[in-house]
Protein backbone atom coordinates (compact mmCIF):
# COMPACT_ATOMS: atom_id res chain seq x y z
CA MET A 1 122.69 32.28 15.52
CA VAL A 2 123.34 35.35 13.30
CA GLU A 3 120.13 36.69 14.61
CA LYS A 4 121.44 36.60 18.01
CA ILE A 5 124.60 38.84 17.59
CA PRO A 6 124.38 41.90 19.62
CA ALA A 7 123.54 45.00 17.67
CA ALA A 8 126.80 46.58 18.88
CA LEU A 9 128.89 43.82 17.12
CA VAL A 10 127.06 43.93 13.80
CA ASN A 11 129.02 45.23 10.98
CA GLU A 12 129.21 45.35 7.43
CA ARG A 13 130.45 41.58 7.32
CA ILE A 14 127.40 40.14 9.51
CA ASN A 15 125.24 42.29 7.23
CA LYS A 16 126.36 40.55 4.46
CA LEU A 17 126.12 37.33 5.98
CA LYS A 18 122.54 37.92 7.11
CA ALA A 19 121.78 38.96 3.32
CA HIS A 20 123.51 35.73 2.03
CA ILE A 21 121.52 33.65 4.44
CA GLU A 22 118.43 35.34 3.32
CA THR A 23 119.12 34.88 -0.23
CA SER A 24 120.00 31.20 0.29
CA GLU A 25 116.75 30.49 1.88
CA LYS A 26 114.77 32.23 -0.91
CA THR A 27 116.41 29.97 -3.44
CA ALA A 28 116.89 26.84 -1.60
CA VAL A 29 115.42 23.26 -2.85
CA GLY A 30 111.52 23.44 -2.50
CA GLN A 31 111.16 27.08 -3.03
CA LYS A 32 109.99 28.78 -6.26
CA TYR A 33 112.43 29.90 -8.73
CA ILE A 34 113.09 33.73 -9.53
CA ASP A 35 112.85 34.81 -12.89
CA PHE A 36 115.28 37.33 -14.60
CA SER A 37 115.80 38.43 -18.02
CA MET A 38 119.17 39.00 -19.94
CA GLN A 39 120.57 39.13 -23.36
CA THR A 40 121.63 36.12 -25.70
CA PRO A 41 124.85 36.34 -27.59
CA GLU A 42 122.97 37.58 -30.50
CA GLY A 43 121.44 40.63 -28.37
CA LYS A 44 117.98 39.02 -27.86
CA THR A 45 116.46 39.60 -24.42
CA VAL A 46 115.36 36.17 -23.07
CA SER A 47 113.64 35.46 -19.32
CA LEU A 48 114.43 32.18 -17.64
CA SER A 49 110.52 31.73 -17.48
CA ASP A 50 110.73 31.17 -21.43
CA PHE A 51 112.33 28.07 -20.72
CA VAL A 52 111.13 26.71 -17.46
CA SER A 53 107.49 26.97 -18.66
CA LYS A 54 108.30 24.81 -21.64
CA ASN A 55 110.31 22.18 -20.32
CA LYS A 56 109.83 19.35 -17.38
CA TYR A 57 112.94 20.44 -15.95
CA THR A 58 115.78 23.34 -16.59
CA LEU A 59 119.05 23.63 -15.59
CA ILE A 60 120.62 26.76 -14.76
CA ASP A 61 124.10 26.71 -15.25
CA PHE A 62 126.08 29.71 -13.81
CA TRP A 63 129.30 29.69 -15.45
CA ALA A 64 131.91 32.00 -17.08
CA SER A 65 134.73 31.61 -19.83
CA TRP A 66 137.77 32.59 -17.44
CA CYS A 67 136.63 30.09 -14.89
CA GLY A 68 138.89 26.86 -14.81
CA PRO A 69 136.27 24.51 -12.72
CA CYS A 70 133.60 25.57 -15.24
CA ARG A 71 135.49 24.44 -18.17
CA ARG A 72 136.33 21.18 -16.34
CA GLU A 73 132.69 20.68 -15.79
CA MET A 74 131.49 21.65 -19.50
CA PRO A 75 131.80 17.94 -20.80
CA ASN A 76 129.58 16.55 -18.17
CA LEU A 77 126.85 19.07 -18.99
CA VAL A 78 127.41 18.39 -22.76
CA GLU A 79 126.71 14.78 -22.06
CA ALA A 80 123.78 15.28 -19.89
CA TYR A 81 122.47 17.70 -22.81
CA ALA A 82 123.18 15.09 -25.36
CA GLN A 83 121.24 12.57 -23.41
CA TYR A 84 118.38 14.26 -22.07
CA LYS A 85 117.48 17.14 -24.41
CA GLY A 86 114.92 15.22 -26.22
CA LYS A 87 113.30 14.16 -22.96
CA ASN A 88 111.65 17.74 -21.98
CA PHE A 89 115.06 18.94 -20.46
CA GLU A 90 116.99 22.33 -21.03
CA ILE A 91 120.03 23.91 -19.70
CA VAL A 92 120.23 27.67 -19.47
CA GLY A 93 123.74 29.09 -19.31
CA VAL A 94 124.11 32.31 -17.21
CA SER A 95 127.56 33.52 -17.88
CA LEU A 96 129.59 35.81 -15.41
CA ASP A 97 131.69 37.08 -18.19
CA GLN A 98 132.50 40.75 -18.81
CA ASP A 99 134.20 40.11 -22.35
CA ALA A 100 131.30 39.43 -25.03
CA ALA A 101 133.91 37.99 -27.19
CA ALA A 102 135.57 35.65 -24.66
CA TRP A 103 131.85 34.50 -23.87
CA LYS A 104 130.85 33.70 -27.28
CA GLU A 105 134.15 32.30 -28.25
CA SER A 106 133.73 29.99 -25.14
CA ILE A 107 130.21 28.91 -25.87
CA LYS A 108 131.49 27.44 -29.39
CA LYS A 109 134.78 25.85 -28.28
CA LEU A 110 133.06 24.24 -25.35
CA ASN A 111 130.15 22.63 -27.58
CA MET A 112 127.56 24.61 -25.46
CA THR A 113 124.57 23.96 -27.77
CA TRP A 114 121.70 25.13 -25.32
CA PRO A 115 120.60 28.57 -24.99
CA GLN A 116 122.93 31.37 -23.31
CA MET A 117 122.11 34.79 -21.39
CA SER A 118 124.25 37.13 -19.57
CA ASP A 119 124.46 40.96 -18.55
CA LEU A 120 128.13 41.32 -18.83
CA GLN A 121 128.57 42.31 -15.48
CA GLY A 122 131.16 39.74 -14.23
CA TRP A 123 130.31 38.95 -10.40
CA ASN A 124 127.64 41.72 -10.43
CA ASN A 125 125.50 39.42 -12.77
CA ALA A 126 122.03 40.06 -11.84
CA GLY A 127 120.74 36.45 -12.01
CA ALA A 128 123.99 35.25 -9.80
CA LYS A 129 123.07 37.94 -7.26
CA LEU A 130 119.74 36.78 -7.14
CA TYR A 131 120.42 33.00 -6.37
CA GLY A 132 123.15 33.98 -3.90
CA VAL A 133 125.98 32.46 -6.38
CA ASN A 134 129.36 33.35 -4.82
CA SER A 135 131.33 30.50 -6.52
CA ILE A 136 130.98 28.83 -9.99
CA PRO A 137 130.35 26.59 -11.65
CA ALA A 138 126.84 26.51 -10.04
CA THR A 139 123.79 24.90 -10.81
CA VAL A 140 120.02 25.27 -9.98
CA LEU A 141 117.60 22.73 -11.39
CA VAL A 142 114.00 23.91 -11.61
CA ASP A 143 110.84 21.86 -12.58
CA GLN A 144 108.22 23.02 -14.92
CA GLU A 145 105.86 24.46 -12.20
CA GLY A 146 109.10 26.54 -11.11
CA THR A 147 110.00 24.69 -8.07
CA ILE A 148 113.69 24.50 -7.43
CA VAL A 149 114.33 20.60 -7.17
CA ALA A 150 118.13 20.65 -6.63
CA ARG A 151 121.24 22.83 -6.32
CA ASN A 152 124.93 22.52 -7.08
CA LEU A 153 124.68 19.30 -9.10
CA ARG A 154 128.23 18.40 -10.59
CA GLY A 155 129.63 15.42 -12.31
CA ASP A 156 127.72 12.12 -12.29
CA ALA A 157 125.16 13.86 -9.79
CA ILE A 158 123.68 15.75 -12.61
CA LYS A 159 122.96 12.35 -14.66
CA SER A 160 121.84 10.42 -11.52
CA LYS A 161 119.43 13.31 -10.74
CA LEU A 162 118.09 13.51 -14.13
CA ASN A 163 117.74 9.45 -14.27
CA GLU A 164 115.78 9.69 -11.16
CA LEU A 165 113.51 12.56 -12.29
CA LEU A 166 113.01 11.61 -15.96
CA LYS A 167 112.54 7.79 -15.65
């Protein structure tokens, strides 16, 4: 429908919508994941591909220390990680923080024992932009071949999907 909007009516908001639709289509279930690199809390550069290639399934978790819904969701991720980490499953946290100290403190406080990365650019986070993330928490589950198998799993849906996939 967006493509049928007459050129005379196209404005910045319509162009943003078109770009968002395009990004959503590129990162939909069934598509190949898009690799990116960022810094760990220790300052080492890591890439998503470092984890995807080593694990049967990798959950990319977009979050931030200042995000209340992210903090409320974290116990579900901690529980899923404890249950599945020894079964060829990994989580990679991608923080939309801007404050390195708050980011690092939250990793400890929320018991996030899985790998973390960020460019400390907030909503301008390069990874979040590649995946069309416009609200957090947001998740992308990728298989070892790099195919996106699920998006935006939360709560019991995380463990349910992992039970289905890691039988």
